[in-house]
Amino acid sequence: MNTAAFNVSEAEEREMLRSIPSGRLGKPTDIANLALFLASNEASFITGQNIAVDGGQTILAETRHNE
């Protein structure tokens, strides 16, 4: 990870990554791949959805909130 972009220490980086089930930060290509899929015929039956591209962070936060 480019810690200079976030201005965080290695310990802070490890803590941040612990909150993401996929174990990594998202990349622009993660968003681009979703956009390409949604624009394809394979996604023709998907309508009106909110799709989180966050490596599972949303579901983890919801789980922790409900504990």
C-alpha atoms as a PDB file:
ATOM      1  CA  MET A   1       0.000   0.000   0.000  1.00  0.00           C
ATOM      2  CA  ASN A   2       1.143   3.535  -0.674  1.00  0.00           C
ATOM      3  CA  THR A   3       1.220   4.726   2.933  1.00  0.00           C
ATOM      4  CA  ALA A   4       2.441   8.146   1.813  1.00  0.00           C
ATOM      5  CA  ALA A   5      -0.947   8.714   0.176  1.00  0.00           C
ATOM      6  CA  PHE A   6      -2.649   8.044   3.506  1.00  0.00           C
ATOM      7  CA  ASN A   7       0.104   9.451   5.735  1.00  0.00           C
ATOM      8  CA  VAL A   8      -0.159   6.502   8.134  1.00  0.00           C
ATOM      9  CA  SER A   9       2.389   4.387   9.957  1.00  0.00           C
ATOM     10  CA  GLU A  10       2.851   0.689   9.252  1.00  0.00           C
ATOM     11  CA  ALA A  11       0.966  -0.106  12.480  1.00  0.00           C
ATOM     12  CA  GLU A  12      -1.941   2.099  11.385  1.00  0.00           C
ATOM     13  CA  GLU A  13      -1.889   0.441   7.966  1.00  0.00           C
ATOM     14  CA  ARG A  14      -2.143  -3.030   9.540  1.00  0.00           C
ATOM     15  CA  GLU A  15      -5.056  -1.851  11.700  1.00  0.00           C
ATOM     16  CA  MET A  16      -6.824  -0.374   8.661  1.00  0.00           C
ATOM     17  CA  LEU A  17      -6.388  -3.581   6.670  1.00  0.00           C
ATOM     18  CA  ARG A  18      -7.738  -5.627   9.594  1.00  0.00           C
ATOM     19  CA  SER A  19     -11.090  -3.879   9.115  1.00  0.00           C
ATOM     20  CA  ILE A  20     -11.307  -5.097   5.498  1.00  0.00           C
ATOM     21  CA  PRO A  21     -12.180  -8.812   5.153  1.00  0.00           C
ATOM     22  CA  SER A  22     -10.456  -9.072   1.757  1.00  0.00           C
ATOM     23  CA  GLY A  23      -7.249  -7.878   3.438  1.00  0.00           C
ATOM     24  CA  ARG A  24      -6.413  -5.139   0.965  1.00  0.00           C
ATOM     25  CA  LEU A  25      -7.446  -1.662  -0.068  1.00  0.00           C
ATOM     26  CA  GLY A  26      -9.551  -1.265  -3.159  1.00  0.00           C
ATOM     27  CA  LYS A  27      -8.014  -0.284  -6.468  1.00  0.00           C
ATOM     28  CA  PRO A  28      -9.530   1.822  -9.245  1.00  0.00           C
ATOM     29  CA  THR A  29      -9.772  -1.357 -11.335  1.00  0.00           C
ATOM     30  CA  ASP A  30     -12.143  -2.851  -8.742  1.00  0.00           C
ATOM     31  CA  ILE A  31     -14.626  -0.062  -9.494  1.00  0.00           C
ATOM     32  CA  ALA A  32     -13.938  -0.215 -13.228  1.00  0.00           C
ATOM     33  CA  ASN A  33     -14.615  -3.965 -13.314  1.00  0.00           C
ATOM     34  CA  LEU A  34     -17.977  -3.478 -11.601  1.00  0.00           C
ATOM     35  CA  ALA A  35     -18.884  -0.722 -14.082  1.00  0.00           C
ATOM     36  CA  LEU A  36     -17.933  -2.959 -17.002  1.00  0.00           C
ATOM     37  CA  PHE A  37     -19.989  -5.821 -15.610  1.00  0.00           C
ATOM     38  CA  LEU A  38     -23.035  -3.603 -15.034  1.00  0.00           C
ATOM     39  CA  ALA A  39     -22.767  -2.312 -18.596  1.00  0.00           C
ATOM     40  CA  SER A  40     -22.634  -5.863 -19.994  1.00  0.00           C
ATOM     41  CA  ASN A  41     -25.448  -8.141 -21.102  1.00  0.00           C
ATOM     42  CA  GLU A  42     -24.687 -10.418 -18.141  1.00  0.00           C
ATOM     43  CA  ALA A  43     -26.085  -7.732 -15.821  1.00  0.00           C
ATOM     44  CA  SER A  44     -29.217  -7.022 -17.853  1.00  0.00           C
ATOM     45  CA  PHE A  45     -31.551  -8.234 -15.088  1.00  0.00           C
ATOM     46  CA  ILE A  46     -29.949  -6.090 -12.358  1.00  0.00           C
ATOM     47  CA  THR A  47     -31.859  -2.885 -11.683  1.00  0.00           C
ATOM     48  CA  GLY A  48     -31.946  -0.279  -8.923  1.00  0.00           C
ATOM     49  CA  GLN A  49     -29.247  -1.740  -6.707  1.00  0.00           C
ATOM     50  CA  ASN A  50     -26.652  -0.209  -4.428  1.00  0.00           C
ATOM     51  CA  ILE A  51     -23.507  -2.271  -4.755  1.00  0.00           C
ATOM     52  CA  ALA A  52     -20.712  -1.761  -2.243  1.00  0.00           C
ATOM     53  CA  VAL A  53     -17.270  -2.359  -3.676  1.00  0.00           C
ATOM     54  CA  ASP A  54     -15.464  -2.367  -0.346  1.00  0.00           C
ATOM     55  CA  GLY A  55     -13.831  -5.747   0.128  1.00  0.00           C
ATOM     56  CA  GLY A  56     -16.515  -6.810   2.603  1.00  0.00           C
ATOM     57  CA  GLN A  57     -16.030  -3.882   4.962  1.00  0.00           C
ATOM     58  CA  THR A  58     -19.750  -3.004   4.960  1.00  0.00           C
ATOM     59  CA  ILE A  59     -20.928  -6.433   6.067  1.00  0.00           C
ATOM     60  CA  LEU A  60     -18.220  -6.607   8.719  1.00  0.00           C
ATOM     61  CA  ALA A  61     -19.296  -3.219  10.105  1.00  0.00           C
ATOM     62  CA  GLU A  62     -22.940  -4.349  10.195  1.00  0.00           C
ATOM     63  CA  THR A  63     -21.969  -7.555  11.994  1.00  0.00           C
ATOM     64  CA  ARG A  64     -19.954  -5.668  14.601  1.00  0.00           C
ATOM     65  CA  HIS A  65     -22.781  -3.147  15.039  1.00  0.00           C
ATOM     66  CA  ASN A  66     -25.269  -5.935  15.803  1.00  0.00           C
ATOM     67  CA  GLU A  67     -23.072  -7.632  18.423  1.00  0.00           C
END
